[in-house]
């Protein structure tokens, strides 16, 4: 029987600050599969509705687990997670309109493609109680420096 992967606090692994980090803990099942869990709470910078998180927050959750996977690969003591860019979402499906406060969610991001330039594609899913509630394919870009990259785009 193999040991379960070490679970880590998501805060140092995601390039957000304070309560903008929605994930509670993160771990890697393999080099390609990053998992995370959280409990839906209120309020957040993404939603102040006391009835819960709207379905579109699932895209932010998926992006955060992808970012946390990069953070796990690159983490060094005293380092800060690099800022990445969400380029697109395909085949997004969500079977609920709202994620109720107190619900425990589990997320998975399976890397299907990553190239040397920092472009990656991830098959993501979000589940509660063993049932998949949302899924989608995220295309992301993790440049060496997001700030330098964005400056290059300015006219």
C-alpha atoms as a PDB file:
ATOM      1  CA  UNK A   1       0.000   0.000   0.000  1.00  0.00           C
ATOM      2  CA  UNK A   2       1.522   3.354  -1.033  1.00  0.00           C
ATOM      3  CA  UNK A   3       1.435   6.465   1.103  1.00  0.00           C
ATOM      4  CA  UNK A   4      -1.028   9.183   0.142  1.00  0.00           C
ATOM      5  CA  UNK A   5       0.459  12.328  -1.427  1.00  0.00           C
ATOM      6  CA  UNK A   6       1.433  15.121   0.962  1.00  0.00           C
ATOM      7  CA  UNK A   7      -1.225  17.820   1.174  1.00  0.00           C
ATOM      8  CA  UNK A   8      -0.096  21.435   1.229  1.00  0.00           C
ATOM      9  CA  UNK A   9      -1.679  24.749   2.076  1.00  0.00           C
ATOM     10  CA  UNK A  10      -2.695  26.413  -1.213  1.00  0.00           C
ATOM     11  CA  UNK A  11      -1.859  29.999  -0.196  1.00  0.00           C
ATOM     12  CA  UNK A  12       1.868  30.019  -1.129  1.00  0.00           C
ATOM     13  CA  UNK A  13       1.194  28.077  -4.348  1.00  0.00           C
ATOM     14  CA  UNK A  14      -1.372  30.372  -5.997  1.00  0.00           C
ATOM     15  CA  UNK A  15      -0.399  33.888  -7.168  1.00  0.00           C
ATOM     16  CA  UNK A  16      -3.345  35.532  -5.392  1.00  0.00           C
ATOM     17  CA  UNK A  17      -3.410  37.205  -2.016  1.00  0.00           C
ATOM     18  CA  UNK A  18      -5.574  36.803   1.073  1.00  0.00           C
ATOM     19  CA  UNK A  19      -9.094  35.544   0.599  1.00  0.00           C
ATOM     20  CA  UNK A  20      -8.724  35.529  -3.212  1.00  0.00           C
ATOM     21  CA  UNK A  21      -7.151  32.067  -2.777  1.00  0.00           C
ATOM     22  CA  UNK A  22     -10.208  29.808  -2.751  1.00  0.00           C
ATOM     23  CA  UNK A  23      -8.430  26.446  -2.458  1.00  0.00           C
ATOM     24  CA  UNK A  24      -7.751  25.046   1.014  1.00  0.00           C
ATOM     25  CA  UNK A  25      -5.252  22.288   0.256  1.00  0.00           C
ATOM     26  CA  UNK A  26      -3.402  20.979  -2.777  1.00  0.00           C
ATOM     27  CA  UNK A  27      -1.531  17.785  -3.637  1.00  0.00           C
ATOM     28  CA  UNK A  28      -0.167  15.989  -6.678  1.00  0.00           C
ATOM     29  CA  UNK A  29      -1.212  12.444  -7.501  1.00  0.00           C
ATOM     30  CA  UNK A  30       1.357  12.336 -10.320  1.00  0.00           C
ATOM     31  CA  UNK A  31       3.510  14.654 -12.433  1.00  0.00           C
ATOM     32  CA  UNK A  32       0.454  15.345 -14.613  1.00  0.00           C
ATOM     33  CA  UNK A  33      -2.398  15.283 -12.041  1.00  0.00           C
ATOM     34  CA  UNK A  34      -2.870  18.008  -9.442  1.00  0.00           C
ATOM     35  CA  UNK A  35      -5.745  17.811  -6.956  1.00  0.00           C
ATOM     36  CA  UNK A  36      -7.215  20.298  -4.514  1.00  0.00           C
ATOM     37  CA  UNK A  37     -10.042  20.565  -2.029  1.00  0.00           C
ATOM     38  CA  UNK A  38     -11.957  23.366  -0.385  1.00  0.00           C
ATOM     39  CA  UNK A  39     -15.080  24.186   1.512  1.00  0.00           C
ATOM     40  CA  UNK A  40     -17.356  26.792  -0.102  1.00  0.00           C
ATOM     41  CA  UNK A  41     -17.345  29.882   2.122  1.00  0.00           C
ATOM     42  CA  UNK A  42     -18.696  33.418   2.025  1.00  0.00           C
ATOM     43  CA  UNK A  43     -17.841  36.101   1.184  1.00  0.00           C
ATOM     44  CA  UNK A  44     -15.003  36.004  -1.335  1.00  0.00           C
ATOM     45  CA  UNK A  45     -13.627  38.625  -3.720  1.00  0.00           C
ATOM     46  CA  UNK A  46     -15.363  36.635  -6.471  1.00  0.00           C
ATOM     47  CA  UNK A  47     -18.821  36.534  -4.923  1.00  0.00           C
ATOM     48  CA  UNK A  48     -20.564  38.146  -1.965  1.00  0.00           C
ATOM     49  CA  UNK A  49     -23.907  36.360  -2.359  1.00  0.00           C
ATOM     50  CA  UNK A  50     -24.806  34.562   0.871  1.00  0.00           C
ATOM     51  CA  UNK A  51     -26.628  31.890  -1.163  1.00  0.00           C
ATOM     52  CA  UNK A  52     -23.373  30.448  -2.479  1.00  0.00           C
ATOM     53  CA  UNK A  53     -20.976  30.659  -5.403  1.00  0.00           C
ATOM     54  CA  UNK A  54     -22.437  30.898  -8.907  1.00  0.00           C
ATOM     55  CA  UNK A  55     -21.450  28.203 -11.391  1.00  0.00           C
ATOM     56  CA  UNK A  56     -18.938  30.465 -13.189  1.00  0.00           C
ATOM     57  CA  UNK A  57     -16.705  30.392 -10.078  1.00  0.00           C
ATOM     58  CA  UNK A  58     -15.872  26.808 -11.115  1.00  0.00           C
ATOM     59  CA  UNK A  59     -13.683  28.251 -13.887  1.00  0.00           C
ATOM     60  CA  UNK A  60     -11.712  30.280 -11.321  1.00  0.00           C
ATOM     61  CA  UNK A  61     -11.380  27.177  -9.122  1.00  0.00           C
ATOM     62  CA  UNK A  62     -10.050  25.161 -12.050  1.00  0.00           C
ATOM     63  CA  UNK A  63      -7.584  27.939 -12.907  1.00  0.00           C
ATOM     64  CA  UNK A  64      -6.398  28.017  -9.291  1.00  0.00           C
ATOM     65  CA  UNK A  65      -5.729  24.257  -9.186  1.00  0.00           C
ATOM     66  CA  UNK A  66      -3.746  24.555 -12.438  1.00  0.00           C
ATOM     67  CA  UNK A  67      -1.778  27.454 -10.894  1.00  0.00           C
ATOM     68  CA  UNK A  68      -1.228  25.466  -7.699  1.00  0.00           C
ATOM     69  CA  UNK A  69       0.188  22.582  -9.754  1.00  0.00           C
ATOM     70  CA  UNK A  70       2.734  24.952 -11.282  1.00  0.00           C
ATOM     71  CA  UNK A  71       3.414  26.313  -7.804  1.00  0.00           C
ATOM     72  CA  UNK A  72       4.089  22.805  -6.484  1.00  0.00           C
ATOM     73  CA  UNK A  73       6.527  22.086  -9.332  1.00  0.00           C
ATOM     74  CA  UNK A  74       8.426  25.346  -8.821  1.00  0.00           C
ATOM     75  CA  UNK A  75       8.113  25.959  -5.074  1.00  0.00           C
ATOM     76  CA  UNK A  76      11.235  26.947  -3.182  1.00  0.00           C
ATOM     77  CA  UNK A  77      11.380  28.303   0.387  1.00  0.00           C
ATOM     78  CA  UNK A  78      10.764  32.050   0.291  1.00  0.00           C
ATOM     79  CA  UNK A  79       9.658  32.011  -3.354  1.00  0.00           C
ATOM     80  CA  UNK A  80       6.433  33.488  -4.702  1.00  0.00           C
ATOM     81  CA  UNK A  81       4.141  31.724  -7.180  1.00  0.00           C
ATOM     82  CA  UNK A  82       4.483  32.985 -10.754  1.00  0.00           C
ATOM     83  CA  UNK A  83       1.551  34.726 -12.370  1.00  0.00           C
ATOM     84  CA  UNK A  84       0.056  32.805 -15.285  1.00  0.00           C
ATOM     85  CA  UNK A  85      -2.574  33.745 -17.840  1.00  0.00           C
ATOM     86  CA  UNK A  86      -5.829  31.910 -18.525  1.00  0.00           C
ATOM     87  CA  UNK A  87      -6.120  32.028 -22.323  1.00  0.00           C
ATOM     88  CA  UNK A  88      -9.304  30.069 -22.809  1.00  0.00           C
ATOM     89  CA  UNK A  89     -11.878  27.592 -21.590  1.00  0.00           C
ATOM     90  CA  UNK A  90     -13.466  24.948 -23.808  1.00  0.00           C
ATOM     91  CA  UNK A  91     -16.212  22.416 -23.235  1.00  0.00           C
ATOM     92  CA  UNK A  92     -17.202  23.950 -19.883  1.00  0.00           C
ATOM     93  CA  UNK A  93     -20.128  22.179 -18.294  1.00  0.00           C
ATOM     94  CA  UNK A  94     -21.654  22.690 -14.879  1.00  0.00           C
ATOM     95  CA  UNK A  95     -24.668  20.783 -13.565  1.00  0.00           C
ATOM     96  CA  UNK A  96     -25.499  23.211 -10.743  1.00  0.00           C
ATOM     97  CA  UNK A  97     -26.361  26.910 -10.756  1.00  0.00           C
ATOM     98  CA  UNK A  98     -24.849  27.533  -7.309  1.00  0.00           C
ATOM     99  CA  UNK A  99     -22.285  25.868  -5.026  1.00  0.00           C
ATOM    100  CA  UNK A 100     -23.873  26.016  -1.575  1.00  0.00           C
ATOM    101  CA  UNK A 101     -21.913  27.356   1.417  1.00  0.00           C
ATOM    102  CA  UNK A 102     -20.375  24.543   3.444  1.00  0.00           C
ATOM    103  CA  UNK A 103     -20.063  22.173   0.468  1.00  0.00           C
ATOM    104  CA  UNK A 104     -16.735  20.331   0.250  1.00  0.00           C
ATOM    105  CA  UNK A 105     -15.416  20.355  -3.313  1.00  0.00           C
ATOM    106  CA  UNK A 106     -12.606  18.299  -4.854  1.00  0.00           C
ATOM    107  CA  UNK A 107     -10.855  19.488  -7.996  1.00  0.00           C
ATOM    108  CA  UNK A 108      -8.554  17.755 -10.443  1.00  0.00           C
ATOM    109  CA  UNK A 109      -6.416  19.229 -13.218  1.00  0.00           C
ATOM    110  CA  UNK A 110      -4.871  16.712 -15.585  1.00  0.00           C
ATOM    111  CA  UNK A 111      -2.148  18.144 -17.801  1.00  0.00           C
ATOM    112  CA  UNK A 112      -2.638  16.911 -21.349  1.00  0.00           C
ATOM    113  CA  UNK A 113      -0.097  19.198 -23.045  1.00  0.00           C
ATOM    114  CA  UNK A 114       2.682  21.562 -21.955  1.00  0.00           C
ATOM    115  CA  UNK A 115       5.420  22.954 -24.141  1.00  0.00           C
ATOM    116  CA  UNK A 116       8.732  24.665 -23.427  1.00  0.00           C
ATOM    117  CA  UNK A 117       7.249  28.126 -24.056  1.00  0.00           C
ATOM    118  CA  UNK A 118       4.881  27.764 -21.081  1.00  0.00           C
ATOM    119  CA  UNK A 119       1.666  26.984 -22.978  1.00  0.00           C
ATOM    120  CA  UNK A 120      -0.398  24.207 -21.414  1.00  0.00           C
ATOM    121  CA  UNK A 121      -3.762  22.469 -21.734  1.00  0.00           C
ATOM    122  CA  UNK A 122      -5.505  20.912 -18.740  1.00  0.00           C
ATOM    123  CA  UNK A 123      -8.579  18.710 -18.434  1.00  0.00           C
ATOM    124  CA  UNK A 124     -10.269  19.856 -15.220  1.00  0.00           C
ATOM    125  CA  UNK A 125     -13.127  18.569 -13.092  1.00  0.00           C
ATOM    126  CA  UNK A 126     -14.889  19.576  -9.902  1.00  0.00           C
ATOM    127  CA  UNK A 127     -16.800  17.113  -7.731  1.00  0.00           C
ATOM    128  CA  UNK A 128     -18.770  16.997  -4.504  1.00  0.00           C
ATOM    129  CA  UNK A 129     -19.813  13.823  -2.725  1.00  0.00           C
ATOM    130  CA  UNK A 130     -18.269  11.717  -5.482  1.00  0.00           C
ATOM    131  CA  UNK A 131     -20.422  13.291  -8.240  1.00  0.00           C
ATOM    132  CA  UNK A 132     -18.819  15.420 -10.956  1.00  0.00           C
ATOM    133  CA  UNK A 133     -20.485  18.849 -10.941  1.00  0.00           C
ATOM    134  CA  UNK A 134     -18.326  20.737 -13.445  1.00  0.00           C
ATOM    135  CA  UNK A 135     -15.687  20.080 -16.075  1.00  0.00           C
ATOM    136  CA  UNK A 136     -13.772  21.983 -18.703  1.00  0.00           C
ATOM    137  CA  UNK A 137     -10.552  22.234 -20.682  1.00  0.00           C
ATOM    138  CA  UNK A 138      -8.327  25.187 -19.753  1.00  0.00           C
ATOM    139  CA  UNK A 139      -5.592  26.615 -21.945  1.00  0.00           C
ATOM    140  CA  UNK A 140      -3.031  28.549 -19.920  1.00  0.00           C
ATOM    141  CA  UNK A 141       0.229  30.372 -20.487  1.00  0.00           C
ATOM    142  CA  UNK A 142       2.954  30.563 -17.842  1.00  0.00           C
ATOM    143  CA  UNK A 143       5.603  32.958 -19.152  1.00  0.00           C
ATOM    144  CA  UNK A 144       8.894  33.476 -17.342  1.00  0.00           C
ATOM    145  CA  UNK A 145       7.549  36.899 -16.324  1.00  0.00           C
ATOM    146  CA  UNK A 146       3.875  37.722 -16.869  1.00  0.00           C
ATOM    147  CA  UNK A 147       4.608  41.399 -16.217  1.00  0.00           C
ATOM    148  CA  UNK A 148       7.267  41.522 -18.972  1.00  0.00           C
ATOM    149  CA  UNK A 149       4.993  39.609 -21.335  1.00  0.00           C
ATOM    150  CA  UNK A 150       2.061  41.982 -20.772  1.00  0.00           C
ATOM    151  CA  UNK A 151       4.327  45.025 -21.254  1.00  0.00           C
ATOM    152  CA  UNK A 152       5.344  43.638 -24.648  1.00  0.00           C
ATOM    153  CA  UNK A 153       1.671  43.585 -25.686  1.00  0.00           C
ATOM    154  CA  UNK A 154       1.088  47.269 -24.930  1.00  0.00           C
ATOM    155  CA  UNK A 155       1.158  49.537 -28.031  1.00  0.00           C
END
